[in-house]
Amino acid sequence: MKIKDFLLEELQREVKRSRAALEQVPSGKYDWKPHEKSMTFGYLANLVATIPTWIAMQINQAQLDVAPATGGTMEQKRLDESEKLLQTLEKASAEARTAFENTSDEHLKTNWRLLAGGQVVLEAPRYEMIPGHVQSLGSPSWSDDCLFAVNGRQGSFDLRPVRRR
């Protein structure tokens, strides 16, 4: 099996799990945190919805500078409705699928670089870095009364309570 086909299958499985989690995101809980040191629920949901854009970026670009001298241009929109999150996930996953379809295993074996202020902080073959983003799609999700974990690595989507608030 080709590397790109393997990663594309992984992406499709994880997008399915993420979709199921994002369908359950309650409205009006964007700023909710399970703990004062936690990121907000809405920010985490946005991350899950947009992670596939990182995959497309790693395939289509040679590098990313997270602290460019000219300042950052990345802006995260506040998506506080399940439907908007699902639309974002669909668009992002379509971009990632297209990137996989238009690449080759040879390209996936070339190095991709993460920079901070022009300095290389990480350099590795794209095929080694992309799986981390794919697996990040199975990130934690919160509901009104429980913290849930998306148990995606065990073969099927399963929401199970981890801890009551």
Foldseek 3Di string as FASTA:
>chain_A
DFLLVVLLVLLVLLLVLLLVQLLQQDAPQQQPDPDPPGHGQQVLLLLLLQLLLVLLCQLPDQEEAPAEPVGDDDDGDRDRHSVVSNVSNVVSSVSNNVSSVPDHSVSQQAKHFYHYHNHTPDIGRNSVVNVVSSVCSQQWHDHDWFTWGFPRVPPDTDTDGDDGD
